[in-house]
Amino acid sequence: MTTIELLQRLATALAVGFLVGVERGWQERQGAPGSRAAGVRTFALVGLFGGLCGALYPLIGPFAFGMIALGFAAGFIVFQWRQSTARNNVSATELVAGLLTFALGTYAVLGQPIVAGAAGVVITAILATRHWLHDFVARITWIELRSAILLLAMSVVILPVLPNRFVDPWQLFNPHQIWLMTVLIAAASFAGYVAVKAIGPAQGLIVAGAAGGLVSSAAVTYANARQASSADIPGDALTNGIIAAWIVSYIRVTVIAVVVAPELLARLGVPIAAACLAAALVGVLLHRRRAGRSPAKGIAIKNPFDFFEVLRFAAILSAVMAAVKMLSARFGEAGLLSLAAIAGVVERDAVAVSAGSMVAREGIGNATLAVLVALAADVAGKLALATVISRGRLAGRLATAAAAMLVAGGGTYAMMRPG
């Protein structure tokens, strides 16, 4: 390690300590001088001390380094204990922050300074959000905590152990893919719940729908439609959440197709843009209609997601996917557009990914039309899903949005099509 590099690493260690110290000092800025064991200067020196210990490590060896670190930790603990006794305060946050600052100062020299600096920023952010985190924990309910734990268990514990392969002789059921869709449905429901609770039904559902559309617009459609069946949230707000998911989903599929086959950019991008603008216009009109009314009263936000409902939808989806595969195998030679329509009901991404081979085999025109047919079938399928699950409550609004998308996109494509 050169002298310049060592100085840069020591500067990082000092910066980490200074950053943490500024936050600690700001939190206790009302206290009298000398009333706390560690402030800006102390934490800056702790970070630099950790860095110097790291620089000495190759010279003094692990045993001496360990003794120095142990001595520092013991001394810092004593000072923090005396401060806690004087204040009658049992918080260990400042003690942990001091030990972490020393460790990051050492790592900045012995390890990766960029990682040490990033970790210092994260620690400072966590310390600075103390009041917000305390308020969040105070407001969270058991239903919310249970839902978050269940969602984590579904995605972190169960999903990784499921086989990502077909487990039946007919190549119909992939447990990993089926459970992944289940997790996406649950996540969409939970995201919608959090957004609605944080910023209100109208804006929250749009934000959650747009975010969910990046992953699964079907999950957003199902989650919002299920909320509509209980009449807890205004239908216009739920519809706009679904429309946002559809728009983002259209854009995502277009990006996939264009990345695979750049030749499709002009022929596919313009009709999709027209369809998205038409859907957005319907959403704006619904939003303005809602804004002209009195705010909804007494909206009760229920369980973020019903696990058994999610499982039921996953089972239905599995059956539909299996049926589509069997139909595709049976009528696979009926034509490109028939296949695109069948695939679009369940998995329009497959059509987008195969756009490259479509262009080479069928030409740009047919490949573009195949992707548009798949997207049209996708919207029609989600419209039917939302109508059934919401018991018809969202049918009129979503039918208007779907029709606007199909007319605008199809009309634009027809005008652009040569001949």
Protein backbone atom coordinates (compact mmCIF):
# COMPACT_ATOMS: atom_id res chain seq x y z
CA MET A 1 0.00 0.00 0.00
CA THR A 2 1.45 3.37 -1.05
CA THR A 3 1.60 6.38 1.28
CA ILE A 4 -1.04 8.22 -0.75
CA GLU A 5 -3.40 5.25 -0.60
CA LEU A 6 -2.87 4.91 3.17
CA LEU A 7 -3.65 8.58 3.68
CA GLN A 8 -6.81 8.24 1.60
CA ARG A 9 -7.93 5.27 3.67
CA LEU A 10 -7.21 7.10 6.93
CA ALA A 11 -9.19 10.08 5.62
CA THR A 12 -12.12 7.74 4.98
CA ALA A 13 -11.89 6.40 8.53
CA LEU A 14 -11.83 9.95 9.89
CA ALA A 15 -14.78 10.95 7.68
CA VAL A 16 -16.87 8.02 8.91
CA GLY A 17 -16.21 8.98 12.53
CA PHE A 18 -16.93 12.64 11.84
CA LEU A 19 -20.21 11.81 10.09
CA VAL A 20 -21.43 9.65 12.96
CA GLY A 21 -20.24 12.25 15.46
CA VAL A 22 -22.14 15.06 13.77
CA GLU A 23 -25.34 13.03 13.98
CA ARG A 24 -24.74 12.15 17.65
CA GLY A 25 -23.93 15.75 18.47
CA TRP A 26 -27.03 16.99 16.67
CA GLN A 27 -29.26 14.58 18.59
CA GLU A 28 -27.90 15.92 21.90
CA ARG A 29 -27.29 19.52 20.86
CA GLN A 30 -29.41 20.84 23.74
CA GLY A 31 -27.16 19.29 26.37
CA ALA A 32 -24.57 21.32 28.27
CA PRO A 33 -20.89 21.00 27.23
CA GLY A 34 -19.29 18.01 28.90
CA SER A 35 -22.65 16.35 29.62
CA ARG A 36 -22.05 13.45 27.19
CA ALA A 37 -19.27 10.91 26.92
CA ALA A 38 -18.87 11.14 23.14
CA GLY A 39 -19.54 13.95 20.66
CA VAL A 40 -18.32 15.08 17.25
CA ARG A 41 -14.63 15.19 18.16
CA THR A 42 -14.72 11.91 20.06
CA PHE A 43 -16.36 9.94 17.26
CA ALA A 44 -14.04 11.48 14.65
CA LEU A 45 -11.04 10.44 16.75
CA VAL A 46 -12.53 6.97 17.26
CA GLY A 47 -12.78 6.49 13.50
CA LEU A 48 -9.23 7.74 12.99
CA PHE A 49 -7.99 5.54 15.86
CA GLY A 50 -9.58 2.52 14.22
CA GLY A 51 -7.87 3.42 10.96
CA LEU A 52 -4.46 3.80 12.64
CA CYS A 53 -4.91 0.44 14.36
CA GLY A 54 -5.64 -1.07 10.96
CA ALA A 55 -2.49 0.57 9.54
CA LEU A 56 -0.43 -0.90 12.43
CA TYR A 57 -1.90 -4.38 12.05
CA PRO A 58 0.75 -5.70 9.62
CA LEU A 59 3.48 -4.50 12.03
CA ILE A 60 2.09 -5.56 15.41
CA GLY A 61 0.19 -8.72 14.46
CA PRO A 62 -3.26 -9.99 15.40
CA PHE A 63 -2.64 -10.49 19.14
CA ALA A 64 -1.47 -6.93 19.84
CA PHE A 65 -4.19 -5.55 17.59
CA GLY A 66 -6.80 -7.57 19.49
CA MET A 67 -5.53 -6.26 22.84
CA ILE A 68 -5.68 -2.65 21.61
CA ALA A 69 -9.22 -3.13 20.27
CA LEU A 70 -10.28 -4.83 23.51
CA GLY A 71 -8.78 -1.98 25.56
CA PHE A 72 -10.60 0.62 23.49
CA ALA A 73 -13.90 -1.26 23.80
CA ALA A 74 -13.50 -1.60 27.59
CA GLY A 75 -12.70 2.10 28.02
CA PHE A 76 -15.58 3.22 25.81
CA ILE A 77 -17.98 0.93 27.68
CA VAL A 78 -16.90 2.42 31.03
CA PHE A 79 -17.49 5.98 29.82
CA GLN A 80 -20.89 5.05 28.40
CA TRP A 81 -21.82 3.25 31.62
CA ARG A 82 -20.96 6.32 33.69
CA GLN A 83 -23.02 8.53 31.37
CA SER A 84 -25.98 6.13 31.51
CA THR A 85 -25.80 6.05 35.31
CA ALA A 86 -25.69 9.84 35.55
CA ARG A 87 -28.65 10.23 33.16
CA ASN A 88 -30.57 7.17 34.34
CA ASN A 89 -30.66 6.11 30.68
CA VAL A 90 -30.25 2.47 29.61
CA SER A 91 -29.92 3.09 25.84
CA ALA A 92 -27.04 1.23 24.20
CA THR A 93 -27.24 3.07 20.87
CA GLU A 94 -24.24 5.35 21.44
CA LEU A 95 -22.12 2.45 22.68
CA VAL A 96 -22.89 0.38 19.59
CA ALA A 97 -22.29 3.41 17.36
CA GLY A 98 -18.85 3.95 18.91
CA LEU A 99 -17.81 0.33 18.47
CA LEU A 100 -19.07 0.31 14.88
CA THR A 101 -17.17 3.52 14.14
CA PHE A 102 -13.94 1.94 15.39
CA ALA A 103 -14.60 -1.19 13.33
CA LEU A 104 -15.35 0.78 10.17
CA GLY A 105 -12.23 2.89 10.66
CA THR A 106 -10.20 -0.31 10.81
CA TYR A 107 -11.96 -1.79 7.81
CA ALA A 108 -11.38 1.39 5.78
CA VAL A 109 -7.64 0.68 6.02
CA LEU A 110 -7.55 -3.12 5.97
CA GLY A 111 -10.53 -3.74 3.69
CA GLN A 112 -12.50 -1.70 1.17
CA PRO A 113 -12.76 2.02 1.99
CA ILE A 114 -15.75 2.52 -0.32
CA VAL A 115 -17.72 -0.13 1.55
CA ALA A 116 -16.66 1.36 4.89
CA GLY A 117 -17.79 4.81 3.81
CA ALA A 118 -21.12 3.50 2.53
CA ALA A 119 -21.66 1.61 5.80
CA GLY A 120 -20.92 4.82 7.71
CA VAL A 121 -23.59 6.65 5.75
CA VAL A 122 -26.11 3.87 6.42
CA ILE A 123 -25.32 3.89 10.15
CA THR A 124 -25.74 7.65 10.28
CA ALA A 125 -29.07 7.42 8.46
CA ILE A 126 -30.32 4.80 10.93
CA LEU A 127 -29.24 6.93 13.87
CA ALA A 128 -30.81 10.05 12.40
CA THR A 129 -34.21 8.39 11.91
CA ARG A 130 -34.55 7.47 15.57
CA HIS A 131 -37.78 9.37 16.16
CA TRP A 132 -39.32 8.22 12.90
CA LEU A 133 -38.45 4.58 13.62
CA HIS A 134 -39.82 4.83 17.15
CA ASP A 135 -43.05 6.34 15.85
CA PHE A 136 -43.27 3.64 13.18
CA VAL A 137 -42.89 0.84 15.74
CA ALA A 138 -45.46 2.52 17.97
CA ARG A 139 -48.02 2.74 15.14
CA ILE A 140 -47.54 -0.71 13.62
CA THR A 141 -50.27 -3.22 14.36
CA TRP A 142 -50.04 -6.95 14.91
CA ILE A 143 -51.79 -7.59 11.58
CA GLU A 144 -49.15 -5.53 9.75
CA LEU A 145 -46.28 -7.22 11.54
CA ARG A 146 -47.74 -10.65 10.92
CA SER A 147 -48.23 -9.89 7.23
CA ALA A 148 -44.66 -8.64 6.84
CA ILE A 149 -43.26 -11.74 8.59
CA LEU A 150 -45.43 -14.01 6.47
CA LEU A 151 -44.34 -12.28 3.26
CA LEU A 152 -40.67 -12.62 4.26
CA ALA A 153 -41.17 -16.29 5.08
CA MET A 154 -42.84 -16.87 1.72
CA SER A 155 -40.03 -15.18 -0.23
CA VAL A 156 -36.88 -15.90 1.83
CA VAL A 157 -37.61 -19.26 3.45
CA ILE A 158 -39.96 -21.15 1.12
CA LEU A 159 -39.16 -19.81 -2.37
CA PRO A 160 -35.42 -20.70 -2.44
CA VAL A 161 -36.01 -24.37 -1.53
CA LEU A 162 -38.65 -25.06 -4.18
CA PRO A 163 -37.35 -26.81 -7.31
CA ASN A 164 -37.12 -24.53 -10.31
CA ARG A 165 -38.08 -27.25 -12.79
CA PHE A 166 -41.14 -29.07 -13.99
CA VAL A 167 -42.13 -31.84 -11.61
CA ASP A 168 -44.70 -33.64 -13.76
CA PRO A 169 -44.26 -35.75 -16.90
CA TRP A 170 -46.26 -33.28 -18.99
CA GLN A 171 -44.00 -30.30 -18.20
CA LEU A 172 -46.90 -28.25 -16.82
CA PHE A 173 -46.08 -27.40 -13.20
CA ASN A 174 -42.96 -25.59 -12.00
CA PRO A 175 -43.23 -25.13 -8.18
CA HIS A 176 -40.71 -22.27 -8.10
CA GLN A 177 -42.53 -20.27 -10.77
CA ILE A 178 -45.93 -20.90 -9.22
CA TRP A 179 -44.77 -19.87 -5.75
CA LEU A 180 -42.95 -16.85 -7.17
CA MET A 181 -46.27 -15.63 -8.58
CA THR A 182 -47.83 -16.27 -5.17
CA VAL A 183 -45.17 -14.11 -3.53
CA LEU A 184 -45.70 -11.37 -6.12
CA ILE A 185 -49.43 -11.33 -5.44
CA ALA A 186 -48.82 -11.07 -1.70
CA ALA A 187 -46.20 -8.35 -2.20
CA ALA A 188 -48.53 -6.33 -4.42
CA SER A 189 -51.27 -6.50 -1.81
CA PHE A 190 -48.90 -5.50 0.97
CA ALA A 191 -47.40 -2.63 -1.07
CA GLY A 192 -50.88 -1.33 -1.81
CA TYR A 193 -51.79 -1.51 1.87
CA VAL A 194 -48.68 0.40 2.94
CA ALA A 195 -49.09 3.06 0.24
CA VAL A 196 -52.79 3.57 1.02
CA LYS A 197 -52.09 3.91 4.72
CA ALA A 198 -49.18 6.29 4.14
CA ILE A 199 -50.56 8.75 1.57
CA GLY A 200 -54.24 7.94 1.20
CA PRO A 201 -56.29 5.72 -1.13
CA ALA A 202 -56.17 7.79 -4.33
CA GLN A 203 -52.43 8.55 -4.50
CA GLY A 204 -51.28 5.47 -2.61
CA LEU A 205 -52.97 2.99 -4.93
CA ILE A 206 -51.52 4.70 -8.01
CA VAL A 207 -47.99 4.54 -6.59
CA ALA A 208 -48.41 0.93 -5.49
CA GLY A 209 -49.96 -0.01 -8.83
CA ALA A 210 -47.13 1.55 -10.84
CA ALA A 211 -44.53 -0.20 -8.69
CA GLY A 212 -46.41 -3.49 -8.88
CA GLY A 213 -46.71 -3.22 -12.64
CA LEU A 214 -42.95 -3.60 -12.92
CA VAL A 215 -43.31 -7.07 -11.44
CA SER A 216 -46.85 -8.35 -11.96
CA SER A 217 -49.81 -6.33 -13.16
CA ALA A 218 -51.94 -9.46 -12.63
CA ALA A 219 -51.11 -9.37 -8.93
CA VAL A 220 -52.07 -5.69 -8.71
CA THR A 221 -55.30 -6.32 -10.64
CA TYR A 222 -56.26 -9.18 -8.36
CA ALA A 223 -55.36 -7.35 -5.14
CA ASN A 224 -57.29 -4.18 -6.04
CA ALA A 225 -60.28 -6.11 -7.35
CA ARG A 226 -60.48 -8.08 -4.12
CA GLN A 227 -60.49 -4.80 -2.17
CA ALA A 228 -63.30 -3.52 -4.40
CA SER A 229 -65.49 -6.52 -3.59
CA SER A 230 -65.59 -5.43 0.05
CA ALA A 231 -66.43 -1.79 -0.80
CA ASP A 232 -63.84 -0.39 1.61
CA ILE A 233 -61.99 1.85 -0.85
CA PRO A 234 -63.45 4.08 -3.61
CA GLY A 235 -63.71 2.27 -6.94
CA ASP A 236 -62.10 5.13 -8.88
CA ALA A 237 -58.96 4.94 -6.73
CA LEU A 238 -58.74 1.16 -7.11
CA THR A 239 -59.27 1.45 -10.86
CA ASN A 240 -56.49 4.02 -11.20
CA GLY A 241 -54.15 1.70 -9.33
CA ILE A 242 -54.90 -1.05 -11.84
CA ILE A 243 -54.56 1.32 -14.80
CA ALA A 244 -51.15 2.44 -13.49
CA ALA A 245 -50.08 -1.21 -13.31
CA TRP A 246 -51.29 -1.85 -16.86
CA ILE A 247 -49.43 1.17 -18.24
CA VAL A 248 -46.17 0.25 -16.53
CA SER A 249 -46.62 -3.37 -17.63
CA TYR A 250 -47.10 -2.30 -21.26
CA ILE A 251 -43.97 -0.17 -21.11
CA ARG A 252 -41.99 -2.99 -19.50
CA VAL A 253 -43.00 -5.53 -22.15
CA THR A 254 -42.15 -3.03 -24.89
CA VAL A 255 -38.69 -2.47 -23.41
CA ILE A 256 -38.12 -6.25 -23.29
CA ALA A 257 -39.16 -6.66 -26.92
CA VAL A 258 -37.07 -3.73 -28.13
CA VAL A 259 -33.98 -4.91 -26.23
CA VAL A 260 -34.33 -8.33 -27.88
CA ALA A 261 -35.21 -6.91 -31.29
CA PRO A 262 -34.29 -3.20 -31.67
CA GLU A 263 -35.96 -3.14 -35.10
CA LEU A 264 -39.32 -3.10 -33.32
CA LEU A 265 -38.74 0.28 -31.64
CA ALA A 266 -40.66 2.48 -34.08
CA ARG A 267 -43.34 0.00 -35.15
CA LEU A 268 -44.10 -1.16 -31.60
CA GLY A 269 -43.23 1.87 -29.49
CA VAL A 270 -45.67 4.31 -31.12
CA PRO A 271 -48.83 2.14 -30.75
CA ILE A 272 -47.88 1.29 -27.16
CA ALA A 273 -47.31 4.95 -26.35
CA ALA A 274 -50.74 5.79 -27.79
CA ALA A 275 -52.38 3.04 -25.73
CA CYS A 276 -50.65 4.19 -22.54
CA LEU A 277 -51.64 7.82 -23.12
CA ALA A 278 -55.26 6.80 -23.66
CA ALA A 279 -55.28 4.79 -20.43
CA ALA A 280 -53.64 7.65 -18.56
CA LEU A 281 -56.34 10.02 -19.86
CA VAL A 282 -59.05 7.73 -18.49
CA GLY A 283 -57.20 7.64 -15.18
CA VAL A 284 -57.01 11.45 -15.06
CA LEU A 285 -60.73 11.75 -15.73
CA LEU A 286 -61.49 9.27 -12.94
CA HIS A 287 -59.18 11.15 -10.61
CA ARG A 288 -60.85 14.47 -11.39
CA ARG A 289 -64.26 12.92 -10.84
CA ARG A 290 -63.14 11.66 -7.45
CA ALA A 291 -61.62 15.07 -6.61
CA GLY A 292 -64.96 16.72 -7.28
CA ARG A 293 -66.66 14.65 -4.61
CA SER A 294 -66.38 14.84 -0.88
CA PRO A 295 -63.55 12.75 0.53
CA ALA A 296 -64.41 9.17 1.37
CA LYS A 297 -65.24 8.74 5.02
CA GLY A 298 -64.46 5.85 7.24
CA ILE A 299 -62.33 3.87 4.81
CA ALA A 300 -61.32 0.73 6.66
CA ILE A 301 -58.02 -0.75 5.51
CA LYS A 302 -58.13 -4.47 6.16
CA ASN A 303 -55.52 -7.17 6.38
CA PRO A 304 -52.69 -6.37 3.90
CA PHE A 305 -53.24 -9.74 2.22
CA ASP A 306 -55.21 -12.85 2.90
CA PHE A 307 -52.81 -15.79 2.64
CA PHE A 308 -55.49 -18.29 1.71
CA GLU A 309 -56.85 -15.98 -0.98
CA VAL A 310 -53.36 -15.70 -2.41
CA LEU A 311 -52.99 -19.47 -2.41
CA ARG A 312 -56.35 -19.84 -4.12
CA PHE A 313 -55.35 -17.42 -6.87
CA ALA A 314 -52.02 -19.22 -7.31
CA ALA A 315 -53.86 -22.51 -7.73
CA ILE A 316 -56.18 -20.96 -10.32
CA LEU A 317 -53.22 -19.43 -12.13
CA SER A 318 -51.42 -22.79 -12.18
CA ALA A 319 -54.45 -24.46 -13.72
CA VAL A 320 -54.76 -21.75 -16.36
CA MET A 321 -51.06 -21.92 -17.23
CA ALA A 322 -51.31 -25.70 -17.58
CA ALA A 323 -54.38 -25.35 -19.83
CA VAL A 324 -52.61 -22.79 -22.01
CA LYS A 325 -49.61 -25.08 -22.39
CA MET A 326 -51.79 -28.01 -23.39
CA LEU A 327 -53.70 -25.88 -25.89
CA SER A 328 -50.45 -24.52 -27.31
CA ALA A 329 -49.10 -28.04 -27.73
CA ARG A 330 -52.32 -29.19 -29.39
CA PHE A 331 -52.89 -26.21 -31.69
CA GLY A 332 -49.33 -24.88 -31.94
CA GLU A 333 -49.39 -24.74 -35.72
CA ALA A 334 -52.66 -22.84 -35.95
CA GLY A 335 -50.78 -19.61 -36.47
CA LEU A 336 -48.53 -17.05 -34.83
CA LEU A 337 -51.33 -14.70 -33.79
CA SER A 338 -53.40 -17.45 -32.22
CA LEU A 339 -50.42 -18.46 -30.14
CA ALA A 340 -49.75 -14.84 -29.19
CA ALA A 341 -53.35 -14.42 -28.03
CA ILE A 342 -53.22 -17.62 -25.96
CA ALA A 343 -49.84 -16.77 -24.43
CA GLY A 344 -50.84 -13.18 -23.77
CA VAL A 345 -53.64 -14.19 -21.43
CA VAL A 346 -51.15 -15.64 -18.96
CA GLU A 347 -47.59 -14.73 -19.95
CA ARG A 348 -47.11 -11.97 -22.51
CA ASP A 349 -43.44 -11.68 -21.58
CA ALA A 350 -42.82 -14.94 -23.44
CA VAL A 351 -44.01 -13.34 -26.65
CA ALA A 352 -41.85 -10.26 -26.02
CA VAL A 353 -38.75 -12.36 -25.34
CA SER A 354 -39.29 -14.37 -28.53
CA ALA A 355 -39.63 -11.17 -30.57
CA GLY A 356 -36.13 -11.59 -31.98
CA SER A 357 -36.87 -14.95 -33.55
CA MET A 358 -40.26 -13.66 -34.73
CA VAL A 359 -38.58 -10.82 -36.63
CA ALA A 360 -36.18 -13.23 -38.33
CA ARG A 361 -38.93 -15.76 -39.15
CA GLU A 362 -42.08 -13.68 -39.66
CA GLY A 363 -40.82 -10.18 -40.38
CA ILE A 364 -41.15 -6.93 -38.41
CA GLY A 365 -44.82 -6.46 -39.23
CA ASN A 366 -46.00 -9.84 -38.00
CA ALA A 367 -43.69 -9.74 -34.98
CA THR A 368 -45.09 -6.33 -33.98
CA LEU A 369 -48.64 -7.52 -34.47
CA ALA A 370 -47.93 -10.65 -32.39
CA VAL A 371 -46.69 -8.58 -29.46
CA LEU A 372 -49.68 -6.22 -29.72
CA VAL A 373 -52.11 -9.15 -29.86
CA ALA A 374 -50.47 -10.66 -26.79
CA LEU A 375 -50.82 -7.37 -24.92
CA ALA A 376 -54.43 -6.98 -26.01
CA ALA A 377 -55.20 -10.52 -24.80
CA ASP A 378 -53.39 -9.73 -21.57
CA VAL A 379 -55.57 -6.67 -20.89
CA ALA A 380 -58.72 -8.59 -21.83
CA GLY A 381 -57.78 -11.37 -19.43
CA LYS A 382 -57.09 -8.95 -16.60
CA LEU A 383 -60.35 -7.13 -17.31
CA ALA A 384 -62.21 -10.43 -16.98
CA LEU A 385 -60.29 -11.26 -13.80
CA ALA A 386 -61.04 -7.89 -12.21
CA THR A 387 -64.71 -8.08 -13.19
CA VAL A 388 -65.15 -11.49 -11.57
CA ILE A 389 -63.13 -10.80 -8.42
CA SER A 390 -64.66 -7.34 -7.82
CA ARG A 391 -68.16 -8.76 -8.48
CA GLY A 392 -68.62 -6.27 -11.30
CA ARG A 393 -67.83 -3.18 -9.24
CA LEU A 394 -64.85 -2.17 -11.39
CA ALA A 395 -66.17 -3.54 -14.69
CA GLY A 396 -67.37 -0.29 -16.24
CA ARG A 397 -64.33 1.78 -15.34
CA LEU A 398 -61.80 -0.82 -16.38
CA ALA A 399 -63.71 -1.65 -19.57
CA THR A 400 -63.47 2.04 -20.52
CA ALA A 401 -59.72 2.04 -19.89
CA ALA A 402 -59.21 -1.24 -21.75
CA ALA A 403 -61.26 -0.05 -24.72
CA ALA A 404 -59.32 3.22 -24.85
CA MET A 405 -56.03 1.32 -24.86
CA LEU A 406 -57.14 -1.12 -27.56
CA VAL A 407 -58.65 1.54 -29.81
CA ALA A 408 -55.72 3.94 -29.48
CA GLY A 409 -53.05 1.27 -29.85
CA GLY A 410 -54.82 -0.65 -32.60
CA GLY A 411 -55.76 2.49 -34.50
CA THR A 412 -52.23 3.84 -34.37
CA TYR A 413 -50.81 0.52 -35.56
CA ALA A 414 -53.34 0.40 -38.44
CA MET A 415 -52.36 3.89 -39.58
CA MET A 416 -48.67 3.04 -39.41
CA ARG A 417 -48.96 -0.31 -41.17
CA PRO A 418 -47.77 -0.10 -44.77
CA GLY A 419 -50.26 -0.92 -47.48
